[in-house]
Amino acid sequence: MSDAKAMSLRFPDPAQRAAIAAAAKQAGVSMQEYILSAAYDRATAVERRFLDGFKASMDRSGAAFAAEPDGLDPGAEQRAAEQEARRELEQQERGHAA
């Protein structure tokens, strides 16, 4: 890769260029390497943040699916009460529609 073109480094702000040049010199790397390294660090930080959020979401979803089946499936008494409530609502709706 020795024949690869150098990255064009144009900075509209001379102070910005000087600050980056000084930071690169202090790190002992070229400006190109310093800038690319900073861009890579930022991209991987964004990726880590996304993956952390995704993992938290998966953990919440997993907890919901891992809930005890008894808590998800209502008992016969609860189902009967829900069916009775539904019938009452349907009767009230029919009464208002007439």
PDB file of N, CA and C in Angstrom:
ATOM      1  N   MET A   1       0.809  -1.194   0.000  1.00  0.00           N
ATOM      2  CA  MET A   1       0.000   0.000   0.000  1.00  0.00           C
ATOM      3  C   MET A   1       0.850   1.254   0.000  1.00  0.00           C
ATOM      4  N   SER A   2       2.111   1.120  -0.298  1.00  0.00           N
ATOM      5  CA  SER A   2       3.002   2.271  -0.293  1.00  0.00           C
ATOM      6  C   SER A   2       2.702   3.238  -1.427  1.00  0.00           C
ATOM      7  N   ASP A   3       1.986   2.772  -2.462  1.00  0.00           N
ATOM      8  CA  ASP A   3       1.671   3.654  -3.577  1.00  0.00           C
ATOM      9  C   ASP A   3       0.317   4.347  -3.423  1.00  0.00           C
ATOM     10  N   ALA A   4      -0.335   4.146  -2.283  1.00  0.00           N
ATOM     11  CA  ALA A   4      -1.633   4.775  -2.051  1.00  0.00           C
ATOM     12  C   ALA A   4      -1.462   6.283  -1.939  1.00  0.00           C
ATOM     13  N   LYS A   5      -2.488   7.004  -2.421  1.00  0.00           N
ATOM     14  CA  LYS A   5      -2.439   8.462  -2.352  1.00  0.00           C
ATOM     15  C   LYS A   5      -2.606   8.917  -0.905  1.00  0.00           C
ATOM     16  N   ALA A   6      -1.969   9.999  -0.579  1.00  0.00           N
ATOM     17  CA  ALA A   6      -2.096  10.567   0.750  1.00  0.00           C
ATOM     18  C   ALA A   6      -3.453  11.244   0.883  1.00  0.00           C
ATOM     19  N   MET A   7      -3.965  11.232   2.083  1.00  0.00           N
ATOM     20  CA  MET A   7      -5.235  11.873   2.359  1.00  0.00           C
ATOM     21  C   MET A   7      -5.051  13.386   2.267  1.00  0.00           C
ATOM     22  N   SER A   8      -5.978  14.049   1.621  1.00  0.00           N
ATOM     23  CA  SER A   8      -5.906  15.500   1.499  1.00  0.00           C
ATOM     24  C   SER A   8      -6.367  16.114   2.817  1.00  0.00           C
ATOM     25  N   LEU A   9      -5.494  16.872   3.437  1.00  0.00           N
ATOM     26  CA  LEU A   9      -5.810  17.487   4.726  1.00  0.00           C
ATOM     27  C   LEU A   9      -5.909  18.992   4.563  1.00  0.00           C
ATOM     28  N   ARG A  10      -7.128  19.468   4.407  1.00  0.00           N
ATOM     29  CA  ARG A  10      -7.359  20.906   4.256  1.00  0.00           C
ATOM     30  C   ARG A  10      -8.158  21.375   5.461  1.00  0.00           C
ATOM     31  N   PHE A  11      -7.677  22.411   6.082  1.00  0.00           N
ATOM     32  CA  PHE A  11      -8.341  22.966   7.250  1.00  0.00           C
ATOM     33  C   PHE A  11      -8.599  24.446   7.018  1.00  0.00           C
ATOM     34  N   PRO A  12      -9.857  24.866   7.019  1.00  0.00           N
ATOM     35  CA  PRO A  12     -10.141  26.287   6.836  1.00  0.00           C
ATOM     36  C   PRO A  12      -9.646  27.126   8.020  1.00  0.00           C
ATOM     37  N   ASP A  13      -9.512  26.510   9.166  1.00  0.00           N
ATOM     38  CA  ASP A  13      -9.075  27.229  10.363  1.00  0.00           C
ATOM     39  C   ASP A  13      -7.630  26.838  10.686  1.00  0.00           C
ATOM     40  N   PRO A  14      -6.697  27.763  10.518  1.00  0.00           N
ATOM     41  CA  PRO A  14      -5.281  27.445  10.791  1.00  0.00           C
ATOM     42  C   PRO A  14      -5.039  27.000  12.238  1.00  0.00           C
ATOM     43  N   ALA A  15      -5.809  27.529  13.165  1.00  0.00           N
ATOM     44  CA  ALA A  15      -5.642  27.150  14.568  1.00  0.00           C
ATOM     45  C   ALA A  15      -6.036  25.683  14.775  1.00  0.00           C
ATOM     46  N   GLN A  16      -7.068  25.260  14.051  1.00  0.00           N
ATOM     47  CA  GLN A  16      -7.493  23.871  14.141  1.00  0.00           C
ATOM     48  C   GLN A  16      -6.404  22.945  13.600  1.00  0.00           C
ATOM     49  N   ARG A  17      -5.829  23.325  12.471  1.00  0.00           N
ATOM     50  CA  ARG A  17      -4.744  22.528  11.882  1.00  0.00           C
ATOM     51  C   ARG A  17      -3.560  22.454  12.839  1.00  0.00           C
ATOM     52  N   ALA A  18      -3.218  23.571  13.446  1.00  0.00           N
ATOM     53  CA  ALA A  18      -2.087  23.604  14.376  1.00  0.00           C
ATOM     54  C   ALA A  18      -2.356  22.721  15.597  1.00  0.00           C
ATOM     55  N   ALA A  19      -3.573  22.760  16.104  1.00  0.00           N
ATOM     56  CA  ALA A  19      -3.922  21.940  17.271  1.00  0.00           C
ATOM     57  C   ALA A  19      -3.836  20.450  16.942  1.00  0.00           C
ATOM     58  N   ILE A  20      -4.336  20.070  15.764  1.00  0.00           N
ATOM     59  CA  ILE A  20      -4.291  18.666  15.349  1.00  0.00           C
ATOM     60  C   ILE A  20      -2.846  18.241  15.096  1.00  0.00           C
ATOM     61  N   ALA A  21      -2.062  19.113  14.470  1.00  0.00           N
ATOM     62  CA  ALA A  21      -0.655  18.804  14.208  1.00  0.00           C
ATOM     63  C   ALA A  21       0.103  18.606  15.518  1.00  0.00           C
ATOM     64  N   ALA A  22      -0.174  19.458  16.504  1.00  0.00           N
ATOM     65  CA  ALA A  22       0.494  19.344  17.803  1.00  0.00           C
ATOM     66  C   ALA A  22       0.079  18.056  18.511  1.00  0.00           C
ATOM     67  N   ALA A  23      -1.192  17.723  18.455  1.00  0.00           N
ATOM     68  CA  ALA A  23      -1.678  16.495  19.096  1.00  0.00           C
ATOM     69  C   ALA A  23      -1.081  15.263  18.423  1.00  0.00           C
ATOM     70  N   ALA A  24      -0.990  15.290  17.102  1.00  0.00           N
ATOM     71  CA  ALA A  24      -0.401  14.170  16.364  1.00  0.00           C
ATOM     72  C   ALA A  24       1.076  14.025  16.705  1.00  0.00           C
ATOM     73  N   LYS A  25       1.773  15.147  16.786  1.00  0.00           N
ATOM     74  CA  LYS A  25       3.200  15.112  17.108  1.00  0.00           C
ATOM     75  C   LYS A  25       3.407  14.548  18.512  1.00  0.00           C
ATOM     76  N   GLN A  26       2.574  14.992  19.438  1.00  0.00           N
ATOM     77  CA  GLN A  26       2.670  14.515  20.821  1.00  0.00           C
ATOM     78  C   GLN A  26       2.399  13.001  20.890  1.00  0.00           C
ATOM     79  N   ALA A  27       1.470  12.518  20.052  1.00  0.00           N
ATOM     80  CA  ALA A  27       1.158  11.089  20.018  1.00  0.00           C
ATOM     81  C   ALA A  27       2.201  10.293  19.239  1.00  0.00           C
ATOM     82  N   GLY A  28       3.050  10.999  18.515  1.00  0.00           N
ATOM     83  CA  GLY A  28       4.099  10.337  17.752  1.00  0.00           C
ATOM     84  C   GLY A  28       3.613   9.683  16.472  1.00  0.00           C
ATOM     85  N   VAL A  29       2.554  10.251  15.880  1.00  0.00           N
ATOM     86  CA  VAL A  29       2.003   9.708  14.633  1.00  0.00           C
ATOM     87  C   VAL A  29       1.809  10.835  13.629  1.00  0.00           C
ATOM     88  N   SER A  30       1.560  10.463  12.383  1.00  0.00           N
ATOM     89  CA  SER A  30       1.293  11.471  11.356  1.00  0.00           C
ATOM     90  C   SER A  30      -0.091  12.070  11.590  1.00  0.00           C
ATOM     91  N   MET A  31      -0.337  13.217  10.966  1.00  0.00           N
ATOM     92  CA  MET A  31      -1.665  13.833  11.078  1.00  0.00           C
ATOM     93  C   MET A  31      -2.729  12.910  10.509  1.00  0.00           C
ATOM     94  N   GLN A  32      -2.414  12.261   9.393  1.00  0.00           N
ATOM     95  CA  GLN A  32      -3.366  11.325   8.785  1.00  0.00           C
ATOM     96  C   GLN A  32      -3.741  10.236   9.772  1.00  0.00           C
ATOM     97  N   GLU A  33      -2.728   9.630  10.367  1.00  0.00           N
ATOM     98  CA  GLU A  33      -2.976   8.537  11.299  1.00  0.00           C
ATOM     99  C   GLU A  33      -3.756   9.027  12.511  1.00  0.00           C
ATOM    100  N   TYR A  34      -3.428  10.207  12.992  1.00  0.00           N
ATOM    101  CA  TYR A  34      -4.118  10.768  14.147  1.00  0.00           C
ATOM    102  C   TYR A  34      -5.603  10.995  13.843  1.00  0.00           C
ATOM    103  N   ILE A  35      -5.881  11.586  12.685  1.00  0.00           N
ATOM    104  CA  ILE A  35      -7.267  11.876  12.300  1.00  0.00           C
ATOM    105  C   ILE A  35      -8.047  10.580  12.075  1.00  0.00           C
ATOM    106  N   LEU A  36      -7.429   9.626  11.365  1.00  0.00           N
ATOM    107  CA  LEU A  36      -8.119   8.356  11.121  1.00  0.00           C
ATOM    108  C   LEU A  36      -8.368   7.595  12.419  1.00  0.00           C
ATOM    109  N   SER A  37      -7.411   7.646  13.327  1.00  0.00           N
ATOM    110  CA  SER A  37      -7.574   6.980  14.612  1.00  0.00           C
ATOM    111  C   SER A  37      -8.717   7.617  15.414  1.00  0.00           C
ATOM    112  N   ALA A  38      -8.767   8.947  15.399  1.00  0.00           N
ATOM    113  CA  ALA A  38      -9.844   9.648  16.106  1.00  0.00           C
ATOM    114  C   ALA A  38     -11.205   9.307  15.497  1.00  0.00           C
ATOM    115  N   ALA A  39     -11.272   9.243  14.169  1.00  0.00           N
ATOM    116  CA  ALA A  39     -12.531   8.900  13.500  1.00  0.00           C
ATOM    117  C   ALA A  39     -12.946   7.470  13.847  1.00  0.00           C
ATOM    118  N   TYR A  40     -11.980   6.568  13.877  1.00  0.00           N
ATOM    119  CA  TYR A  40     -12.271   5.171  14.229  1.00  0.00           C
ATOM    120  C   TYR A  40     -12.756   5.081  15.674  1.00  0.00           C
ATOM    121  N   ASP A  41     -12.082   5.782  16.585  1.00  0.00           N
ATOM    122  CA  ASP A  41     -12.493   5.766  17.997  1.00  0.00           C
ATOM    123  C   ASP A  41     -13.914   6.283  18.160  1.00  0.00           C
ATOM    124  N   ARG A  42     -14.235   7.335  17.426  1.00  0.00           N
ATOM    125  CA  ARG A  42     -15.592   7.894  17.526  1.00  0.00           C
ATOM    126  C   ARG A  42     -16.625   6.924  16.966  1.00  0.00           C
ATOM    127  N   ALA A  43     -16.312   6.303  15.827  1.00  0.00           N
ATOM    128  CA  ALA A  43     -17.250   5.350  15.219  1.00  0.00           C
ATOM    129  C   ALA A  43     -17.469   4.146  16.122  1.00  0.00           C
ATOM    130  N   THR A  44     -16.412   3.638  16.726  1.00  0.00           N
ATOM    131  CA  THR A  44     -16.590   2.474  17.596  1.00  0.00           C
ATOM    132  C   THR A  44     -17.317   2.850  18.879  1.00  0.00           C
ATOM    133  N   ALA A  45     -17.157   4.087  19.343  1.00  0.00           N
ATOM    134  CA  ALA A  45     -17.908   4.538  20.520  1.00  0.00           C
ATOM    135  C   ALA A  45     -19.401   4.577  20.199  1.00  0.00           C
ATOM    136  N   VAL A  46     -19.746   5.062  19.012  1.00  0.00           N
ATOM    137  CA  VAL A  46     -21.153   5.093  18.588  1.00  0.00           C
ATOM    138  C   VAL A  46     -21.676   3.659  18.480  1.00  0.00           C
ATOM    139  N   GLU A  47     -20.868   2.777  17.913  1.00  0.00           N
ATOM    140  CA  GLU A  47     -21.272   1.375  17.783  1.00  0.00           C
ATOM    141  C   GLU A  47     -21.497   0.750  19.161  1.00  0.00           C
ATOM    142  N   ARG A  48     -20.576   0.995  20.104  1.00  0.00           N
ATOM    143  CA  ARG A  48     -20.731   0.439  21.456  1.00  0.00           C
ATOM    144  C   ARG A  48     -22.003   0.948  22.109  1.00  0.00           C
ATOM    145  N   ARG A  49     -22.287   2.233  21.922  1.00  0.00           N
ATOM    146  CA  ARG A  49     -23.488   2.816  22.521  1.00  0.00           C
ATOM    147  C   ARG A  49     -24.747   2.169  21.929  1.00  0.00           C
ATOM    148  N   PHE A  50     -24.747   1.965  20.615  1.00  0.00           N
ATOM    149  CA  PHE A  50     -25.874   1.313  19.963  1.00  0.00           C
ATOM    150  C   PHE A  50     -26.029  -0.121  20.478  1.00  0.00           C
ATOM    151  N   LEU A  51     -24.918  -0.860  20.540  1.00  0.00           N
ATOM    152  CA  LEU A  51     -24.982  -2.254  20.977  1.00  0.00           C
ATOM    153  C   LEU A  51     -25.404  -2.361  22.437  1.00  0.00           C
ATOM    154  N   ASP A  52     -24.979  -1.425  23.279  1.00  0.00           N
ATOM    155  CA  ASP A  52     -25.412  -1.422  24.679  1.00  0.00           C
ATOM    156  C   ASP A  52     -26.929  -1.199  24.770  1.00  0.00           C
ATOM    157  N   GLY A  53     -27.438  -0.259  23.968  1.00  0.00           N
ATOM    158  CA  GLY A  53     -28.887  -0.010  23.938  1.00  0.00           C
ATOM    159  C   GLY A  53     -29.648  -1.202  23.411  1.00  0.00           C
ATOM    160  N   PHE A  54     -29.103  -1.834  22.387  1.00  0.00           N
ATOM    161  CA  PHE A  54     -29.741  -3.016  21.814  1.00  0.00           C
ATOM    162  C   PHE A  54     -29.771  -4.158  22.830  1.00  0.00           C
ATOM    163  N   LYS A  55     -28.672  -4.350  23.550  1.00  0.00           N
ATOM    164  CA  LYS A  55     -28.606  -5.407  24.562  1.00  0.00           C
ATOM    165  C   LYS A  55     -29.625  -5.137  25.664  1.00  0.00           C
ATOM    166  N   ALA A  56     -29.730  -3.895  26.098  1.00  0.00           N
ATOM    167  CA  ALA A  56     -30.710  -3.548  27.141  1.00  0.00           C
ATOM    168  C   ALA A  56     -32.123  -3.842  26.651  1.00  0.00           C
ATOM    169  N   SER A  57     -32.391  -3.531  25.392  1.00  0.00           N
ATOM    170  CA  SER A  57     -33.707  -3.808  24.809  1.00  0.00           C
ATOM    171  C   SER A  57     -33.971  -5.312  24.770  1.00  0.00           C
ATOM    172  N   MET A  58     -32.951  -6.074  24.363  1.00  0.00           N
ATOM    173  CA  MET A  58     -33.097  -7.531  24.316  1.00  0.00           C
ATOM    174  C   MET A  58     -33.324  -8.103  25.717  1.00  0.00           C
ATOM    175  N   ASP A  59     -32.637  -7.552  26.706  1.00  0.00           N
ATOM    176  CA  ASP A  59     -32.815  -8.012  28.082  1.00  0.00           C
ATOM    177  C   ASP A  59     -34.245  -7.764  28.559  1.00  0.00           C
ATOM    178  N   ARG A  60     -34.789  -6.580  28.222  1.00  0.00           N
ATOM    179  CA  ARG A  60     -36.174  -6.287  28.616  1.00  0.00           C
ATOM    180  C   ARG A  60     -37.139  -7.239  27.921  1.00  0.00           C
ATOM    181  N   SER A  61     -36.912  -7.462  26.623  1.00  0.00           N
ATOM    182  CA  SER A  61     -37.791  -8.365  25.874  1.00  0.00           C
ATOM    183  C   SER A  61     -37.677  -9.781  26.407  1.00  0.00           C
ATOM    184  N   GLY A  62     -36.454 -10.211  26.700  1.00  0.00           N
ATOM    185  CA  GLY A  62     -36.250 -11.561  27.228  1.00  0.00           C
ATOM    186  C   GLY A  62     -36.947 -11.743  28.552  1.00  0.00           C
ATOM    187  N   ALA A  63     -36.914 -10.722  29.392  1.00  0.00           N
ATOM    188  CA  ALA A  63     -37.570 -10.811  30.689  1.00  0.00           C
ATOM    189  C   ALA A  63     -39.085 -10.952  30.510  1.00  0.00           C
ATOM    190  N   ALA A  64     -39.635 -10.260  29.540  1.00  0.00           N
ATOM    191  CA  ALA A  64     -41.082 -10.351  29.297  1.00  0.00           C
ATOM    192  C   ALA A  64     -41.463 -11.747  28.825  1.00  0.00           C
ATOM    193  N   PHE A  65     -40.643 -12.344  27.964  1.00  0.00           N
ATOM    194  CA  PHE A  65     -40.951 -13.678  27.457  1.00  0.00           C
ATOM    195  C   PHE A  65     -40.639 -14.774  28.473  1.00  0.00           C
ATOM    196  N   ALA A  66     -39.769 -14.473  29.423  1.00  0.00           N
ATOM    197  CA  ALA A  66     -39.406 -15.464  30.430  1.00  0.00           C
ATOM    198  C   ALA A  66     -40.359 -15.457  31.620  1.00  0.00           C
ATOM    199  N   ALA A  67     -41.352 -14.581  31.596  1.00  0.00           N
ATOM    200  CA  ALA A  67     -42.304 -14.493  32.707  1.00  0.00           C
ATOM    201  C   ALA A  67     -42.996 -15.835  32.901  1.00  0.00           C
ATOM    202  N   GLU A  68     -43.371 -16.083  34.124  1.00  0.00           N
ATOM    203  CA  GLU A  68     -44.057 -17.342  34.448  1.00  0.00           C
ATOM    204  C   GLU A  68     -45.356 -17.461  33.652  1.00  0.00           C
ATOM    205  N   PRO A  69     -45.609 -18.635  33.083  1.00  0.00           N
ATOM    206  CA  PRO A  69     -46.834 -18.820  32.298  1.00  0.00           C
ATOM    207  C   PRO A  69     -48.098 -18.543  33.112  1.00  0.00           C
ATOM    208  N   ASP A  70     -48.072 -18.828  34.420  1.00  0.00           N
ATOM    209  CA  ASP A  70     -49.256 -18.572  35.250  1.00  0.00           C
ATOM    210  C   ASP A  70     -49.600 -17.089  35.269  1.00  0.00           C
ATOM    211  N   GLY A  71     -48.592 -16.243  35.199  1.00  0.00           N
ATOM    212  CA  GLY A  71     -48.839 -14.804  35.217  1.00  0.00           C
ATOM    213  C   GLY A  71     -49.386 -14.301  33.895  1.00  0.00           C
ATOM    214  N   LEU A  72     -49.151 -15.039  32.819  1.00  0.00           N
ATOM    215  CA  LEU A  72     -49.606 -14.618  31.507  1.00  0.00           C
ATOM    216  C   LEU A  72     -50.977 -15.194  31.157  1.00  0.00           C
ATOM    217  N   ASP A  73     -51.277 -16.354  31.675  1.00  0.00           N
ATOM    218  CA  ASP A  73     -52.531 -17.030  31.353  1.00  0.00           C
ATOM    219  C   ASP A  73     -53.499 -16.853  32.512  1.00  0.00           C
ATOM    220  N   PRO A  74     -54.572 -16.091  32.304  1.00  0.00           N
ATOM    221  CA  PRO A  74     -55.504 -15.870  33.414  1.00  0.00           C
ATOM    222  C   PRO A  74     -56.234 -17.164  33.787  1.00  0.00           C
ATOM    223  N   GLY A  75     -56.603 -17.256  35.049  1.00  0.00           N
ATOM    224  CA  GLY A  75     -57.343 -18.424  35.525  1.00  0.00           C
ATOM    225  C   GLY A  75     -58.763 -18.406  34.992  1.00  0.00           C
ATOM    226  N   ALA A  76     -59.456 -19.520  35.201  1.00  0.00           N
ATOM    227  CA  ALA A  76     -60.836 -19.655  34.710  1.00  0.00           C
ATOM    228  C   ALA A  76     -61.738 -18.569  35.284  1.00  0.00           C
ATOM    229  N   GLU A  77     -61.543 -18.242  36.545  1.00  0.00           N
ATOM    230  CA  GLU A  77     -62.381 -17.219  37.191  1.00  0.00           C
ATOM    231  C   GLU A  77     -62.171 -15.854  36.538  1.00  0.00           C
ATOM    232  N   GLN A  78     -60.918 -15.523  36.278  1.00  0.00           N
ATOM    233  CA  GLN A  78     -60.629 -14.233  35.646  1.00  0.00           C
ATOM    234  C   GLN A  78     -61.181 -14.195  34.219  1.00  0.00           C
ATOM    235  N   ARG A  79     -61.032 -15.301  33.476  1.00  0.00           N
ATOM    236  CA  ARG A  79     -61.570 -15.338  32.109  1.00  0.00           C
ATOM    237  C   ARG A  79     -63.089 -15.156  32.124  1.00  0.00           C
ATOM    238  N   ALA A  80     -63.759 -15.801  33.066  1.00  0.00           N
ATOM    239  CA  ALA A  80     -65.221 -15.680  33.159  1.00  0.00           C
ATOM    240  C   ALA A  80     -65.612 -14.235  33.472  1.00  0.00           C
ATOM    241  N   ALA A  81     -64.873 -13.586  34.375  1.00  0.00           N
ATOM    242  CA  ALA A  81     -65.171 -12.187  34.724  1.00  0.00           C
ATOM    243  C   ALA A  81     -64.946 -11.279  33.518  1.00  0.00           C
ATOM    244  N   GLU A  82     -63.875 -11.544  32.743  1.00  0.00           N
ATOM    245  CA  GLU A  82     -63.611 -10.732  31.550  1.00  0.00           C
ATOM    246  C   GLU A  82     -64.693 -10.936  30.492  1.00  0.00           C
ATOM    247  N   GLN A  83     -65.136 -12.172  30.314  1.00  0.00           N
ATOM    248  CA  GLN A  83     -66.198 -12.443  29.341  1.00  0.00           C
ATOM    249  C   GLN A  83     -67.502 -11.766  29.764  1.00  0.00           C
ATOM    250  N   GLU A  84     -67.804 -11.790  31.049  1.00  0.00           N
ATOM    251  CA  GLU A  84     -69.016 -11.133  31.552  1.00  0.00           C
ATOM    252  C   GLU A  84     -68.927  -9.624  31.336  1.00  0.00           C
ATOM    253  N   ALA A  85     -67.778  -9.051  31.611  1.00  0.00           N
ATOM    254  CA  ALA A  85     -67.592  -7.610  31.404  1.00  0.00           C
ATOM    255  C   ALA A  85     -67.740  -7.267  29.930  1.00  0.00           C
ATOM    256  N   ARG A  86     -67.214  -8.111  29.056  1.00  0.00           N
ATOM    257  CA  ARG A  86     -67.339  -7.873  27.615  1.00  0.00           C
ATOM    258  C   ARG A  86     -68.806  -7.925  27.187  1.00  0.00           C
ATOM    259  N   ARG A  87     -69.549  -8.909  27.690  1.00  0.00           N
ATOM    260  CA  ARG A  87     -70.990  -9.008  27.345  1.00  0.00           C
ATOM    261  C   ARG A  87     -71.738  -7.760  27.798  1.00  0.00           C
ATOM    262  N   GLU A  88     -71.437  -7.301  28.999  1.00  0.00           N
ATOM    263  CA  GLU A  88     -72.101  -6.101  29.514  1.00  0.00           C
ATOM    264  C   GLU A  88     -71.797  -4.886  28.639  1.00  0.00           C
ATOM    265  N   LEU A  89     -70.547  -4.736  28.225  1.00  0.00           N
ATOM    266  CA  LEU A  89     -70.180  -3.617  27.355  1.00  0.00           C
ATOM    267  C   LEU A  89     -70.901  -3.700  26.013  1.00  0.00           C
ATOM    268  N   GLU A  90     -70.972  -4.913  25.455  1.00  0.00           N
ATOM    269  CA  GLU A  90     -71.646  -5.089  24.170  1.00  0.00           C
ATOM    270  C   GLU A  90     -73.134  -4.769  24.292  1.00  0.00           C
ATOM    271  N   GLN A  91     -73.743  -5.157  25.411  1.00  0.00           N
ATOM    272  CA  GLN A  91     -75.158  -4.848  25.620  1.00  0.00           C
ATOM    273  C   GLN A  91     -75.374  -3.348  25.751  1.00  0.00           C
ATOM    274  N   GLN A  92     -74.470  -2.673  26.446  1.00  0.00           N
ATOM    275  CA  GLN A  92     -74.582  -1.220  26.605  1.00  0.00           C
ATOM    276  C   GLN A  92     -74.419  -0.530  25.254  1.00  0.00           C
ATOM    277  N   GLU A  93     -73.498  -1.025  24.421  1.00  0.00           N
ATOM    278  CA  GLU A  93     -73.298  -0.434  23.103  1.00  0.00           C
ATOM    279  C   GLU A  93     -74.515  -0.625  22.236  1.00  0.00           C
ATOM    280  N   ARG A  94     -75.124  -1.798  22.292  1.00  0.00           N
ATOM    281  CA  ARG A  94     -76.343  -2.058  21.524  1.00  0.00           C
ATOM    282  C   ARG A  94     -77.486  -1.169  22.003  1.00  0.00           C
ATOM    283  N   GLY A  95     -77.552  -0.949  23.317  1.00  0.00           N
ATOM    284  CA  GLY A  95     -78.594  -0.103  23.875  1.00  0.00           C
ATOM    285  C   GLY A  95     -78.456   1.341  23.427  1.00  0.00           C
ATOM    286  N   HIS A  96     -77.219   1.836  23.292  1.00  0.00           N
ATOM    287  CA  HIS A  96     -76.981   3.221  22.866  1.00  0.00           C
ATOM    288  C   HIS A  96     -77.169   3.368  21.366  1.00  0.00           C
ATOM    289  N   ALA A  97     -76.956   2.314  20.617  1.00  0.00           N
ATOM    290  CA  ALA A  97     -77.075   2.372  19.157  1.00  0.00           C
ATOM    291  C   ALA A  97     -78.534   2.321  18.715  1.00  0.00           C
ATOM    292  N   ALA A  98     -79.412   1.805  19.564  1.00  0.00           N
ATOM    293  CA  ALA A  98     -80.822   1.640  19.178  1.00  0.00           C
ATOM    294  C   ALA A  98     -81.589   2.926  19.240  1.00  0.00           C
TER     295      ALA A  98
END
